[in-house]
Amino acid sequence: MFLISDAHAQTTATHAGGGNLFSSISGMLPLIVVFVALFFIMIRPQMKKQKEHNAMLAALAKGDEVVTSGGLLGKVTGIAQSDISLQIASGVEVQVQRSAVVQVLPKGTLK
């Protein structure tokens, strides 16, 4: 006496082509929803932040007080194409890349 009965194949009618258009779209729907959600949650805010940072760098002028990504605070004394001169103390100037500036401080912050 056998405890397991013989398996019988189901005889449902399926298309050899793999189904219709609706089933293929519904299979891709979760992937599309995840991509759209990632775009609005991660990619779009990052693009907006980058655009604001580029606008801030383009608006840099002599006399602006800035903070660099390395933590230096200084006053802009010269601007070139890809770098700027910062006065970090009386008589001390350093050259930093323009992209290293992360924030422009309000006037009069540094003394």
PDB file of N, CA and C in Angstrom:
ATOM      1  N   MET A   1       0.830  -1.157   0.000  1.00  0.00           N
ATOM      2  CA  MET A   1       0.000   0.000   0.000  1.00  0.00           C
ATOM      3  C   MET A   1       0.890   1.241   0.000  1.00  0.00           C
ATOM      4  N   PHE A   2       0.616   2.141  -0.934  1.00  0.00           N
ATOM      5  CA  PHE A   2       1.406   3.361  -1.072  1.00  0.00           C
ATOM      6  C   PHE A   2       0.701   4.512  -0.370  1.00  0.00           C
ATOM      7  N   LEU A   3       1.494   5.343   0.328  1.00  0.00           N
ATOM      8  CA  LEU A   3       0.929   6.489   1.019  1.00  0.00           C
ATOM      9  C   LEU A   3       0.804   7.713   0.095  1.00  0.00           C
ATOM     10  N   ILE A   4       1.602   7.745  -0.947  1.00  0.00           N
ATOM     11  CA  ILE A   4       1.582   8.878  -1.870  1.00  0.00           C
ATOM     12  C   ILE A   4       0.905   8.431  -3.147  1.00  0.00           C
ATOM     13  N   SER A   5      -0.095   9.202  -3.556  1.00  0.00           N
ATOM     14  CA  SER A   5      -0.799   8.835  -4.774  1.00  0.00           C
ATOM     15  C   SER A   5      -0.059   9.375  -5.985  1.00  0.00           C
ATOM     16  N   ASP A   6      -0.333   8.840  -7.119  1.00  0.00           N
ATOM     17  CA  ASP A   6       0.307   9.292  -8.355  1.00  0.00           C
ATOM     18  C   ASP A   6      -0.117  10.718  -8.676  1.00  0.00           C
ATOM     19  N   ALA A   7       0.842  11.511  -9.158  1.00  0.00           N
ATOM     20  CA  ALA A   7       0.555  12.894  -9.536  1.00  0.00           C
ATOM     21  C   ALA A   7      -0.002  12.908 -10.942  1.00  0.00           C
ATOM     22  N   HIS A   8      -1.022  13.666 -11.125  1.00  0.00           N
ATOM     23  CA  HIS A   8      -1.637  13.774 -12.432  1.00  0.00           C
ATOM     24  C   HIS A   8      -1.494  15.207 -12.918  1.00  0.00           C
ATOM     25  N   ALA A   9      -1.147  15.354 -14.157  1.00  0.00           N
ATOM     26  CA  ALA A   9      -0.985  16.685 -14.747  1.00  0.00           C
ATOM     27  C   ALA A   9      -2.350  17.324 -14.930  1.00  0.00           C
ATOM     28  N   GLN A  10      -2.402  18.623 -14.656  1.00  0.00           N
ATOM     29  CA  GLN A  10      -3.644  19.331 -14.860  1.00  0.00           C
ATOM     30  C   GLN A  10      -3.837  19.572 -16.338  1.00  0.00           C
ATOM     31  N   THR A  11      -5.051  19.553 -16.729  1.00  0.00           N
ATOM     32  CA  THR A  11      -5.348  19.716 -18.148  1.00  0.00           C
ATOM     33  C   THR A  11      -6.033  21.053 -18.393  1.00  0.00           C
ATOM     34  N   THR A  12      -5.369  22.154 -17.962  1.00  0.00           N
ATOM     35  CA  THR A  12      -5.927  23.477 -18.237  1.00  0.00           C
ATOM     36  C   THR A  12      -5.385  23.950 -19.568  1.00  0.00           C
ATOM     37  N   ALA A  13      -6.173  24.727 -20.245  1.00  0.00           N
ATOM     38  CA  ALA A  13      -5.771  25.228 -21.554  1.00  0.00           C
ATOM     39  C   ALA A  13      -4.948  26.501 -21.367  1.00  0.00           C
ATOM     40  N   THR A  14      -3.688  26.464 -21.774  1.00  0.00           N
ATOM     41  CA  THR A  14      -2.825  27.649 -21.731  1.00  0.00           C
ATOM     42  C   THR A  14      -2.271  27.866 -23.124  1.00  0.00           C
ATOM     43  N   HIS A  15      -1.955  29.110 -23.392  1.00  0.00           N
ATOM     44  CA  HIS A  15      -1.378  29.434 -24.686  1.00  0.00           C
ATOM     45  C   HIS A  15       0.120  29.148 -24.651  1.00  0.00           C
ATOM     46  N   ALA A  16       0.623  28.669 -25.722  1.00  0.00           N
ATOM     47  CA  ALA A  16       2.054  28.394 -25.808  1.00  0.00           C
ATOM     48  C   ALA A  16       2.846  29.687 -25.899  1.00  0.00           C
ATOM     49  N   GLY A  17       2.204  30.825 -26.243  1.00  0.00           N
ATOM     50  CA  GLY A  17       2.866  32.110 -26.382  1.00  0.00           C
ATOM     51  C   GLY A  17       3.181  32.767 -25.051  1.00  0.00           C
ATOM     52  N   GLY A  18       2.709  32.288 -23.941  1.00  0.00           N
ATOM     53  CA  GLY A  18       3.041  32.838 -22.649  1.00  0.00           C
ATOM     54  C   GLY A  18       1.982  33.762 -22.068  1.00  0.00           C
ATOM     55  N   GLY A  19       0.822  33.844 -22.624  1.00  0.00           N
ATOM     56  CA  GLY A  19      -0.234  34.672 -22.056  1.00  0.00           C
ATOM     57  C   GLY A  19      -0.493  35.906 -22.890  1.00  0.00           C
ATOM     58  N   ASN A  20      -1.349  36.747 -22.367  1.00  0.00           N
ATOM     59  CA  ASN A  20      -1.724  37.935 -23.108  1.00  0.00           C
ATOM     60  C   ASN A  20      -0.921  39.147 -22.651  1.00  0.00           C
ATOM     61  N   LEU A  21      -1.194  40.287 -23.232  1.00  0.00           N
ATOM     62  CA  LEU A  21      -0.466  41.516 -22.941  1.00  0.00           C
ATOM     63  C   LEU A  21      -0.710  41.987 -21.515  1.00  0.00           C
ATOM     64  N   PHE A  22      -1.930  41.856 -21.021  1.00  0.00           N
ATOM     65  CA  PHE A  22      -2.256  42.296 -19.671  1.00  0.00           C
ATOM     66  C   PHE A  22      -1.433  41.558 -18.622  1.00  0.00           C
ATOM     67  N   SER A  23      -1.246  40.261 -18.795  1.00  0.00           N
ATOM     68  CA  SER A  23      -0.490  39.505 -17.798  1.00  0.00           C
ATOM     69  C   SER A  23       0.990  39.886 -17.817  1.00  0.00           C
ATOM     70  N   SER A  24       1.527  40.230 -18.973  1.00  0.00           N
ATOM     71  CA  SER A  24       2.936  40.632 -19.016  1.00  0.00           C
ATOM     72  C   SER A  24       3.127  42.027 -18.408  1.00  0.00           C
ATOM     73  N   ILE A  25       2.151  42.927 -18.610  1.00  0.00           N
ATOM     74  CA  ILE A  25       2.228  44.257 -17.999  1.00  0.00           C
ATOM     75  C   ILE A  25       2.035  44.162 -16.491  1.00  0.00           C
ATOM     76  N   SER A  26       1.121  43.336 -16.055  1.00  0.00           N
ATOM     77  CA  SER A  26       0.891  43.208 -14.611  1.00  0.00           C
ATOM     78  C   SER A  26       2.087  42.554 -13.923  1.00  0.00           C
ATOM     79  N   GLY A  27       2.852  41.770 -14.637  1.00  0.00           N
ATOM     80  CA  GLY A  27       4.073  41.209 -14.072  1.00  0.00           C
ATOM     81  C   GLY A  27       5.173  42.244 -13.920  1.00  0.00           C
ATOM     82  N   MET A  28       5.179  43.248 -14.804  1.00  0.00           N
ATOM     83  CA  MET A  28       6.179  44.310 -14.748  1.00  0.00           C
ATOM     84  C   MET A  28       5.751  45.460 -13.840  1.00  0.00           C
ATOM     85  N   LEU A  29       4.483  45.528 -13.465  1.00  0.00           N
ATOM     86  CA  LEU A  29       3.946  46.638 -12.690  1.00  0.00           C
ATOM     87  C   LEU A  29       4.674  46.876 -11.364  1.00  0.00           C
ATOM     88  N   PRO A  30       4.981  45.868 -10.569  1.00  0.00           N
ATOM     89  CA  PRO A  30       5.713  46.137  -9.317  1.00  0.00           C
ATOM     90  C   PRO A  30       7.097  46.749  -9.562  1.00  0.00           C
ATOM     91  N   LEU A  31       7.775  46.326 -10.596  1.00  0.00           N
ATOM     92  CA  LEU A  31       9.087  46.871 -10.925  1.00  0.00           C
ATOM     93  C   LEU A  31       8.974  48.337 -11.327  1.00  0.00           C
ATOM     94  N   ILE A  32       7.956  48.676 -12.089  1.00  0.00           N
ATOM     95  CA  ILE A  32       7.732  50.062 -12.509  1.00  0.00           C
ATOM     96  C   ILE A  32       7.384  50.928 -11.305  1.00  0.00           C
ATOM     97  N   VAL A  33       6.550  50.427 -10.414  1.00  0.00           N
ATOM     98  CA  VAL A  33       6.164  51.175  -9.217  1.00  0.00           C
ATOM     99  C   VAL A  33       7.372  51.429  -8.332  1.00  0.00           C
ATOM    100  N   VAL A  34       8.247  50.449  -8.167  1.00  0.00           N
ATOM    101  CA  VAL A  34       9.460  50.621  -7.356  1.00  0.00           C
ATOM    102  C   VAL A  34      10.373  51.670  -7.983  1.00  0.00           C
ATOM    103  N   PHE A  35      10.538  51.645  -9.289  1.00  0.00           N
ATOM    104  CA  PHE A  35      11.388  52.633  -9.956  1.00  0.00           C
ATOM    105  C   PHE A  35      10.828  54.040  -9.787  1.00  0.00           C
ATOM    106  N   VAL A  36       9.529  54.208  -9.959  1.00  0.00           N
ATOM    107  CA  VAL A  36       8.908  55.525  -9.807  1.00  0.00           C
ATOM    108  C   VAL A  36       9.062  56.013  -8.359  1.00  0.00           C
ATOM    109  N   ALA A  37       8.863  55.127  -7.401  1.00  0.00           N
ATOM    110  CA  ALA A  37       9.011  55.509  -5.994  1.00  0.00           C
ATOM    111  C   ALA A  37      10.453  55.915  -5.695  1.00  0.00           C
ATOM    112  N   LEU A  38      11.438  55.162  -6.183  1.00  0.00           N
ATOM    113  CA  LEU A  38      12.838  55.510  -5.967  1.00  0.00           C
ATOM    114  C   LEU A  38      13.183  56.839  -6.617  1.00  0.00           C
ATOM    115  N   PHE A  39      12.601  57.110  -7.776  1.00  0.00           N
ATOM    116  CA  PHE A  39      12.871  58.377  -8.448  1.00  0.00           C
ATOM    117  C   PHE A  39      12.411  59.542  -7.588  1.00  0.00           C
ATOM    118  N   PHE A  40      11.181  59.469  -7.056  1.00  0.00           N
ATOM    119  CA  PHE A  40      10.646  60.579  -6.281  1.00  0.00           C
ATOM    120  C   PHE A  40      11.209  60.648  -4.864  1.00  0.00           C
ATOM    121  N   ILE A  41      11.672  59.539  -4.321  1.00  0.00           N
ATOM    122  CA  ILE A  41      12.203  59.539  -2.957  1.00  0.00           C
ATOM    123  C   ILE A  41      13.695  59.846  -2.926  1.00  0.00           C
ATOM    124  N   MET A  42      14.456  59.353  -3.893  1.00  0.00           N
ATOM    125  CA  MET A  42      15.914  59.487  -3.830  1.00  0.00           C
ATOM    126  C   MET A  42      16.509  60.339  -4.950  1.00  0.00           C
ATOM    127  N   ILE A  43      16.185  60.058  -6.168  1.00  0.00           N
ATOM    128  CA  ILE A  43      16.876  60.675  -7.303  1.00  0.00           C
ATOM    129  C   ILE A  43      16.479  62.133  -7.475  1.00  0.00           C
ATOM    130  N   ARG A  44      15.200  62.440  -7.450  1.00  0.00           N
ATOM    131  CA  ARG A  44      14.736  63.815  -7.685  1.00  0.00           C
ATOM    132  C   ARG A  44      15.241  64.785  -6.615  1.00  0.00           C
ATOM    133  N   PRO A  45      15.164  64.463  -5.312  1.00  0.00           N
ATOM    134  CA  PRO A  45      15.713  65.389  -4.314  1.00  0.00           C
ATOM    135  C   PRO A  45      17.224  65.598  -4.458  1.00  0.00           C
ATOM    136  N   GLN A  46      17.948  64.549  -4.835  1.00  0.00           N
ATOM    137  CA  GLN A  46      19.389  64.685  -5.028  1.00  0.00           C
ATOM    138  C   GLN A  46      19.687  65.599  -6.211  1.00  0.00           C
ATOM    139  N   MET A  47      18.920  65.496  -7.289  1.00  0.00           N
ATOM    140  CA  MET A  47      19.115  66.375  -8.438  1.00  0.00           C
ATOM    141  C   MET A  47      18.811  67.825  -8.052  1.00  0.00           C
ATOM    142  N   LYS A  48      17.789  68.042  -7.256  1.00  0.00           N
ATOM    143  CA  LYS A  48      17.429  69.384  -6.813  1.00  0.00           C
ATOM    144  C   LYS A  48      18.530  69.968  -5.936  1.00  0.00           C
ATOM    145  N   LYS A  49      19.072  69.172  -5.026  1.00  0.00           N
ATOM    146  CA  LYS A  49      20.152  69.623  -4.145  1.00  0.00           C
ATOM    147  C   LYS A  49      21.399  69.966  -4.957  1.00  0.00           C
ATOM    148  N   GLN A  50      21.731  69.156  -5.948  1.00  0.00           N
ATOM    149  CA  GLN A  50      22.889  69.420  -6.803  1.00  0.00           C
ATOM    150  C   GLN A  50      22.697  70.708  -7.601  1.00  0.00           C
ATOM    151  N   LYS A  51      21.499  70.952  -8.080  1.00  0.00           N
ATOM    152  CA  LYS A  51      21.212  72.171  -8.836  1.00  0.00           C
ATOM    153  C   LYS A  51      21.383  73.405  -7.948  1.00  0.00           C
ATOM    154  N   GLU A  52      20.883  73.334  -6.702  1.00  0.00           N
ATOM    155  CA  GLU A  52      21.036  74.438  -5.760  1.00  0.00           C
ATOM    156  C   GLU A  52      22.511  74.679  -5.425  1.00  0.00           C
ATOM    157  N   HIS A  53      23.287  73.607  -5.260  1.00  0.00           N
ATOM    158  CA  HIS A  53      24.718  73.730  -4.951  1.00  0.00           C
ATOM    159  C   HIS A  53      25.459  74.386  -6.116  1.00  0.00           C
ATOM    160  N   ASN A  54      25.144  73.992  -7.341  1.00  0.00           N
ATOM    161  CA  ASN A  54      25.782  74.602  -8.514  1.00  0.00           C
ATOM    162  C   ASN A  54      25.436  76.081  -8.628  1.00  0.00           C
ATOM    163  N   ALA A  55      24.200  76.451  -8.313  1.00  0.00           N
ATOM    164  CA  ALA A  55      23.801  77.857  -8.345  1.00  0.00           C
ATOM    165  C   ALA A  55      24.543  78.650  -7.275  1.00  0.00           C
ATOM    166  N   MET A  56      24.733  78.057  -6.098  1.00  0.00           N
ATOM    167  CA  MET A  56      25.466  78.720  -5.025  1.00  0.00           C
ATOM    168  C   MET A  56      26.925  78.934  -5.428  1.00  0.00           C
ATOM    169  N   LEU A  57      27.539  77.941  -6.057  1.00  0.00           N
ATOM    170  CA  LEU A  57      28.928  78.070  -6.495  1.00  0.00           C
ATOM    171  C   LEU A  57      29.071  79.120  -7.595  1.00  0.00           C
ATOM    172  N   ALA A  58      28.101  79.208  -8.474  1.00  0.00           N
ATOM    173  CA  ALA A  58      28.153  80.192  -9.553  1.00  0.00           C
ATOM    174  C   ALA A  58      27.988  81.609  -9.017  1.00  0.00           C
ATOM    175  N   ALA A  59      27.305  81.770  -7.882  1.00  0.00           N
ATOM    176  CA  ALA A  59      27.051  83.088  -7.321  1.00  0.00           C
ATOM    177  C   ALA A  59      28.133  83.551  -6.340  1.00  0.00           C
ATOM    178  N   LEU A  60      29.186  82.746  -6.137  1.00  0.00           N
ATOM    179  CA  LEU A  60      30.255  83.156  -5.224  1.00  0.00           C
ATOM    180  C   LEU A  60      30.899  84.440  -5.706  1.00  0.00           C
ATOM    181  N   ALA A  61      31.219  85.319  -4.748  1.00  0.00           N
ATOM    182  CA  ALA A  61      31.861  86.590  -5.084  1.00  0.00           C
ATOM    183  C   ALA A  61      32.890  86.920  -4.012  1.00  0.00           C
ATOM    184  N   LYS A  62      33.785  87.844  -4.330  1.00  0.00           N
ATOM    185  CA  LYS A  62      34.775  88.295  -3.352  1.00  0.00           C
ATOM    186  C   LYS A  62      34.055  88.861  -2.142  1.00  0.00           C
ATOM    187  N   GLY A  63      34.582  88.542  -0.966  1.00  0.00           N
ATOM    188  CA  GLY A  63      33.990  89.038   0.272  1.00  0.00           C
ATOM    189  C   GLY A  63      32.996  88.090   0.903  1.00  0.00           C
ATOM    190  N   ASP A  64      32.561  87.056   0.176  1.00  0.00           N
ATOM    191  CA  ASP A  64      31.647  86.065   0.756  1.00  0.00           C
ATOM    192  C   ASP A  64      32.375  85.267   1.830  1.00  0.00           C
ATOM    193  N   GLU A  65      31.674  84.948   2.886  1.00  0.00           N
ATOM    194  CA  GLU A  65      32.220  84.107   3.946  1.00  0.00           C
ATOM    195  C   GLU A  65      31.650  82.707   3.745  1.00  0.00           C
ATOM    196  N   VAL A  66      32.559  81.709   3.664  1.00  0.00           N
ATOM    197  CA  VAL A  66      32.145  80.360   3.274  1.00  0.00           C
ATOM    198  C   VAL A  66      32.699  79.307   4.223  1.00  0.00           C
ATOM    199  N   VAL A  67      32.099  78.124   4.136  1.00  0.00           N
ATOM    200  CA  VAL A  67      32.572  76.935   4.834  1.00  0.00           C
ATOM    201  C   VAL A  67      32.911  75.905   3.768  1.00  0.00           C
ATOM    202  N   THR A  68      34.072  75.255   3.910  1.00  0.00           N
ATOM    203  CA  THR A  68      34.467  74.220   2.949  1.00  0.00           C
ATOM    204  C   THR A  68      34.102  72.837   3.494  1.00  0.00           C
ATOM    205  N   SER A  69      34.191  71.850   2.634  1.00  0.00           N
ATOM    206  CA  SER A  69      33.880  70.483   3.043  1.00  0.00           C
ATOM    207  C   SER A  69      34.891  69.959   4.059  1.00  0.00           C
ATOM    208  N   GLY A  70      36.083  70.549   4.104  1.00  0.00           N
ATOM    209  CA  GLY A  70      37.095  70.157   5.084  1.00  0.00           C
ATOM    210  C   GLY A  70      36.933  70.857   6.419  1.00  0.00           C
ATOM    211  N   GLY A  71      35.976  71.794   6.511  1.00  0.00           N
ATOM    212  CA  GLY A  71      35.722  72.474   7.767  1.00  0.00           C
ATOM    213  C   GLY A  71      36.389  73.832   7.887  1.00  0.00           C
ATOM    214  N   LEU A  72      37.068  74.287   6.843  1.00  0.00           N
ATOM    215  CA  LEU A  72      37.685  75.607   6.891  1.00  0.00           C
ATOM    216  C   LEU A  72      36.626  76.688   6.753  1.00  0.00           C
ATOM    217  N   LEU A  73      36.749  77.727   7.568  1.00  0.00           N
ATOM    218  CA  LEU A  73      35.897  78.896   7.447  1.00  0.00           C
ATOM    219  C   LEU A  73      36.779  80.039   6.985  1.00  0.00           C
ATOM    220  N   GLY A  74      36.330  80.779   5.995  1.00  0.00           N
ATOM    221  CA  GLY A  74      37.147  81.866   5.510  1.00  0.00           C
ATOM    222  C   GLY A  74      36.378  82.818   4.630  1.00  0.00           C
ATOM    223  N   LYS A  75      37.072  83.898   4.273  1.00  0.00           N
ATOM    224  CA  LYS A  75      36.502  84.930   3.406  1.00  0.00           C
ATOM    225  C   LYS A  75      37.125  84.784   2.030  1.00  0.00           C
ATOM    226  N   VAL A  76      36.299  84.805   0.995  1.00  0.00           N
ATOM    227  CA  VAL A  76      36.765  84.675  -0.378  1.00  0.00           C
ATOM    228  C   VAL A  76      37.520  85.943  -0.753  1.00  0.00           C
ATOM    229  N   THR A  77      38.790  85.778  -1.183  1.00  0.00           N
ATOM    230  CA  THR A  77      39.597  86.925  -1.600  1.00  0.00           C
ATOM    231  C   THR A  77      39.909  86.891  -3.091  1.00  0.00           C
ATOM    232  N   GLY A  78      39.717  85.766  -3.727  1.00  0.00           N
ATOM    233  CA  GLY A  78      39.963  85.658  -5.154  1.00  0.00           C
ATOM    234  C   GLY A  78      39.224  84.470  -5.730  1.00  0.00           C
ATOM    235  N   ILE A  79      38.783  84.631  -6.986  1.00  0.00           N
ATOM    236  CA  ILE A  79      38.028  83.559  -7.637  1.00  0.00           C
ATOM    237  C   ILE A  79      38.651  83.276  -8.991  1.00  0.00           C
ATOM    238  N   ALA A  80      38.945  82.003  -9.257  1.00  0.00           N
ATOM    239  CA  ALA A  80      39.417  81.550 -10.564  1.00  0.00           C
ATOM    240  C   ALA A  80      38.364  80.596 -11.130  1.00  0.00           C
ATOM    241  N   GLN A  81      38.681  79.996 -12.261  1.00  0.00           N
ATOM    242  CA  GLN A  81      37.724  79.102 -12.916  1.00  0.00           C
ATOM    243  C   GLN A  81      37.353  77.911 -12.029  1.00  0.00           C
ATOM    244  N   SER A  82      38.358  77.226 -11.474  1.00  0.00           N
ATOM    245  CA  SER A  82      38.064  76.005 -10.724  1.00  0.00           C
ATOM    246  C   SER A  82      38.469  76.083  -9.258  1.00  0.00           C
ATOM    247  N   ASP A  83      39.093  77.171  -8.827  1.00  0.00           N
ATOM    248  CA  ASP A  83      39.468  77.282  -7.424  1.00  0.00           C
ATOM    249  C   ASP A  83      39.251  78.699  -6.918  1.00  0.00           C
ATOM    250  N   ILE A  84      39.292  78.829  -5.594  1.00  0.00           N
ATOM    251  CA  ILE A  84      39.119  80.136  -4.962  1.00  0.00           C
ATOM    252  C   ILE A  84      40.194  80.317  -3.908  1.00  0.00           C
ATOM    253  N   SER A  85      40.486  81.561  -3.575  1.00  0.00           N
ATOM    254  CA  SER A  85      41.410  81.889  -2.493  1.00  0.00           C
ATOM    255  C   SER A  85      40.587  82.254  -1.273  1.00  0.00           C
ATOM    256  N   LEU A  86      40.934  81.648  -0.145  1.00  0.00           N
ATOM    257  CA  LEU A  86      40.237  81.931   1.104  1.00  0.00           C
ATOM    258  C   LEU A  86      41.216  82.533   2.092  1.00  0.00           C
ATOM    259  N   GLN A  87      40.812  83.599   2.742  1.00  0.00           N
ATOM    260  CA  GLN A  87      41.590  84.145   3.846  1.00  0.00           C
ATOM    261  C   GLN A  87      41.025  83.503   5.103  1.00  0.00           C
ATOM    262  N   ILE A  88      41.830  82.618   5.739  1.00  0.00           N
ATOM    263  CA  ILE A  88      41.344  81.896   6.910  1.00  0.00           C
ATOM    264  C   ILE A  88      41.808  82.545   8.209  1.00  0.00           C
ATOM    265  N   ALA A  89      42.803  83.404   8.123  1.00  0.00           N
ATOM    266  CA  ALA A  89      43.278  84.185   9.266  1.00  0.00           C
ATOM    267  C   ALA A  89      43.957  85.423   8.703  1.00  0.00           C
ATOM    268  N   SER A  90      44.282  86.351   9.557  1.00  0.00           N
ATOM    269  CA  SER A  90      44.932  87.574   9.112  1.00  0.00           C
ATOM    270  C   SER A  90      46.288  87.229   8.484  1.00  0.00           C
ATOM    271  N   GLY A  91      46.418  87.503   7.191  1.00  0.00           N
ATOM    272  CA  GLY A  91      47.664  87.237   6.483  1.00  0.00           C
ATOM    273  C   GLY A  91      47.841  85.799   6.019  1.00  0.00           C
ATOM    274  N   VAL A  92      46.825  84.941   6.204  1.00  0.00           N
ATOM    275  CA  VAL A  92      46.925  83.536   5.797  1.00  0.00           C
ATOM    276  C   VAL A  92      45.859  83.262   4.742  1.00  0.00           C
ATOM    277  N   GLU A  93      46.303  82.928   3.525  1.00  0.00           N
ATOM    278  CA  GLU A  93      45.387  82.585   2.445  1.00  0.00           C
ATOM    279  C   GLU A  93      45.677  81.173   1.958  1.00  0.00           C
ATOM    280  N   VAL A  94      44.615  80.458   1.612  1.00  0.00           N
ATOM    281  CA  VAL A  94      44.743  79.107   1.058  1.00  0.00           C
ATOM    282  C   VAL A  94      43.938  79.032  -0.225  1.00  0.00           C
ATOM    283  N   GLN A  95      44.359  78.136  -1.088  1.00  0.00           N
ATOM    284  CA  GLN A  95      43.630  77.855  -2.328  1.00  0.00           C
ATOM    285  C   GLN A  95      42.813  76.585  -2.113  1.00  0.00           C
ATOM    286  N   VAL A  96      41.542  76.641  -2.435  1.00  0.00           N
ATOM    287  CA  VAL A  96      40.681  75.450  -2.364  1.00  0.00           C
ATOM    288  C   VAL A  96      39.902  75.345  -3.659  1.00  0.00           C
ATOM    289  N   GLN A  97      39.493  74.145  -3.967  1.00  0.00           N
ATOM    290  CA  GLN A  97      38.663  73.952  -5.147  1.00  0.00           C
ATOM    291  C   GLN A  97      37.298  74.579  -4.910  1.00  0.00           C
ATOM    292  N   ARG A  98      36.752  75.120  -5.943  1.00  0.00           N
ATOM    293  CA  ARG A  98      35.445  75.776  -5.844  1.00  0.00           C
ATOM    294  C   ARG A  98      34.377  74.780  -5.374  1.00  0.00           C
ATOM    295  N   SER A  99      34.474  73.534  -5.815  1.00  0.00           N
ATOM    296  CA  SER A  99      33.474  72.530  -5.447  1.00  0.00           C
ATOM    297  C   SER A  99      33.561  72.135  -3.977  1.00  0.00           C
ATOM    298  N   ALA A 100      34.642  72.538  -3.274  1.00  0.00           N
ATOM    299  CA  ALA A 100      34.775  72.212  -1.856  1.00  0.00           C
ATOM    300  C   ALA A 100      33.916  73.106  -0.978  1.00  0.00           C
ATOM    301  N   VAL A 101      33.398  74.192  -1.508  1.00  0.00           N
ATOM    302  CA  VAL A 101      32.551  75.090  -0.731  1.00  0.00           C
ATOM    303  C   VAL A 101      31.184  74.431  -0.552  1.00  0.00           C
ATOM    304  N   VAL A 102      30.767  74.299   0.710  1.00  0.00           N
ATOM    305  CA  VAL A 102      29.485  73.658   0.980  1.00  0.00           C
ATOM    306  C   VAL A 102      28.430  74.622   1.476  1.00  0.00           C
ATOM    307  N   GLN A 103      28.855  75.818   1.951  1.00  0.00           N
ATOM    308  CA  GLN A 103      27.874  76.749   2.492  1.00  0.00           C
ATOM    309  C   GLN A 103      28.429  78.159   2.431  1.00  0.00           C
ATOM    310  N   VAL A 104      27.570  79.108   2.113  1.00  0.00           N
ATOM    311  CA  VAL A 104      27.906  80.514   2.188  1.00  0.00           C
ATOM    312  C   VAL A 104      27.261  81.047   3.459  1.00  0.00           C
ATOM    313  N   LEU A 105      28.090  81.641   4.328  1.00  0.00           N
ATOM    314  CA  LEU A 105      27.608  82.159   5.595  1.00  0.00           C
ATOM    315  C   LEU A 105      27.077  83.576   5.446  1.00  0.00           C
ATOM    316  N   PRO A 106      26.210  84.009   6.350  1.00  0.00           N
ATOM    317  CA  PRO A 106      25.758  85.406   6.308  1.00  0.00           C
ATOM    318  C   PRO A 106      26.932  86.355   6.577  1.00  0.00           C
ATOM    319  N   LYS A 107      26.875  87.541   5.981  1.00  0.00           N
ATOM    320  CA  LYS A 107      27.945  88.526   6.167  1.00  0.00           C
ATOM    321  C   LYS A 107      28.106  88.856   7.651  1.00  0.00           C
ATOM    322  N   GLY A 108      29.355  88.974   8.068  1.00  0.00           N
ATOM    323  CA  GLY A 108      29.651  89.335   9.445  1.00  0.00           C
ATOM    324  C   GLY A 108      29.724  88.167  10.393  1.00  0.00           C
ATOM    325  N   THR A 109      29.605  86.935   9.884  1.00  0.00           N
ATOM    326  CA  THR A 109      29.677  85.753  10.752  1.00  0.00           C
ATOM    327  C   THR A 109      31.093  85.571  11.275  1.00  0.00           C
ATOM    328  N   LEU A 110      32.080  85.749  10.413  1.00  0.00           N
ATOM    329  CA  LEU A 110      33.477  85.598  10.794  1.00  0.00           C
ATOM    330  C   LEU A 110      34.020  86.926  11.289  1.00  0.00           C
ATOM    331  N   LYS A 111      34.827  86.879  12.330  1.00  0.00           N
ATOM    332  CA  LYS A 111      35.425  88.109  12.847  1.00  0.00           C
ATOM    333  C   LYS A 111      36.919  87.966  12.926  1.00  0.00           C
TER     334      LYS A 111
END
